Amino acid sequence: MSSPADIYMVTGGGLMSYAPNLVDQFRRATGYVDRILKGAKPGDLPVQNPTTFELVINLKTAKALGLTMPPTLLARADEVIE
């Protein structure tokens, strides 16, 4: 699941979105909470970058723009909106 704002943009007519997976980020944040509750100082914890991303493509918008999406791109997409 990408960011809700990203999904809304694509379902609302945006062409595509490539964004971090929020569920994965929340899961990883629980590790930080655990370490803080065990006494770690938040300023001492390393910054973590997102590790998983999701690609969402809106084919209706692509067709309206006269674009043809390559089959390989569609195959890699996590979600294709038709």
Protein backbone atom coordinates (compact mmCIF):
# COMPACT_ATOMS: atom_id res chain seq x y z
CA MET A 1 0.00 0.00 0.00
CA SER A 2 1.50 3.27 -1.09
CA SER A 3 0.80 6.57 0.54
CA PRO A 4 -2.95 7.28 0.48
CA ALA A 5 -2.27 10.62 -1.21
CA ASP A 6 -0.41 8.83 -4.01
CA ILE A 7 -3.22 6.31 -4.51
CA TYR A 8 -5.83 9.07 -4.55
CA MET A 9 -3.88 10.98 -7.18
CA VAL A 10 -3.70 7.96 -9.47
CA THR A 11 -7.31 6.88 -8.91
CA GLY A 12 -8.34 10.52 -9.41
CA GLY A 13 -6.77 10.64 -12.85
CA GLY A 14 -3.02 10.80 -12.31
CA LEU A 15 -0.91 8.75 -14.68
CA MET A 16 1.26 6.86 -12.23
CA SER A 17 2.82 6.85 -8.79
CA TYR A 18 6.04 5.34 -7.48
CA ALA A 19 6.10 5.74 -3.70
CA PRO A 20 7.30 4.03 -0.51
CA ASN A 21 5.16 1.28 0.96
CA LEU A 22 3.64 2.79 4.12
CA VAL A 23 2.80 -0.54 5.75
CA ASP A 24 6.47 -1.53 5.56
CA GLN A 25 7.54 1.82 7.02
CA PHE A 26 5.14 1.45 9.95
CA ARG A 27 6.40 -2.08 10.63
CA ARG A 28 9.97 -0.84 10.68
CA ALA A 29 9.02 2.07 12.97
CA THR A 30 7.94 -0.39 15.65
CA GLY A 31 11.59 -1.36 16.02
CA TYR A 32 12.41 2.25 16.82
CA VAL A 33 9.60 2.45 19.37
CA ASP A 34 10.87 -0.72 21.01
CA ARG A 35 14.41 0.63 21.25
CA ILE A 36 13.22 3.98 22.66
CA LEU A 37 11.07 2.25 25.28
CA LYS A 38 14.12 0.21 26.28
CA GLY A 39 16.06 3.42 26.92
CA ALA A 40 17.72 4.37 23.64
CA LYS A 41 17.94 8.07 22.91
CA PRO A 42 16.00 8.98 19.74
CA GLY A 43 18.85 11.24 18.60
CA ASP A 44 21.24 8.28 18.68
CA LEU A 45 19.14 6.10 16.37
CA PRO A 46 20.12 6.02 12.70
CA VAL A 47 17.79 7.40 10.06
CA GLN A 48 16.25 4.66 7.94
CA ASN A 49 15.28 5.19 4.33
CA PRO A 50 12.33 3.34 2.77
CA THR A 51 13.29 -0.05 1.36
CA THR A 52 10.17 -1.06 -0.54
CA PHE A 53 8.32 1.00 -3.12
CA GLU A 54 5.09 0.47 -5.05
CA LEU A 55 4.30 1.36 -8.65
CA VAL A 56 0.67 2.17 -9.50
CA ILE A 57 -0.37 2.91 -13.10
CA ASN A 58 -3.66 4.31 -14.39
CA LEU A 59 -4.28 2.87 -17.87
CA LYS A 60 -7.39 4.99 -18.45
CA THR A 61 -5.30 8.16 -18.09
CA ALA A 62 -2.56 6.71 -20.30
CA LYS A 63 -5.10 6.00 -23.05
CA ALA A 64 -6.60 9.50 -22.70
CA LEU A 65 -3.10 10.96 -23.18
CA GLY A 66 -2.43 8.72 -26.16
CA LEU A 67 0.29 6.78 -24.35
CA THR A 68 0.96 3.09 -24.68
CA MET A 69 2.45 1.52 -21.59
CA PRO A 70 5.05 -1.14 -22.31
CA PRO A 71 3.96 -4.62 -21.20
CA THR A 72 7.14 -4.97 -19.16
CA LEU A 73 6.24 -1.84 -17.16
CA LEU A 74 2.71 -3.12 -16.59
CA ALA A 75 4.10 -6.47 -15.45
CA ARG A 76 6.30 -4.75 -12.86
CA ALA A 77 3.48 -2.56 -11.51
CA ASP A 78 2.08 -3.46 -8.12
CA GLU A 79 -1.34 -2.17 -9.16
CA VAL A 80 -2.82 -1.32 -12.55
CA ILE A 81 -6.01 0.74 -12.63
CA GLU A 82 -8.07 0.15 -15.76
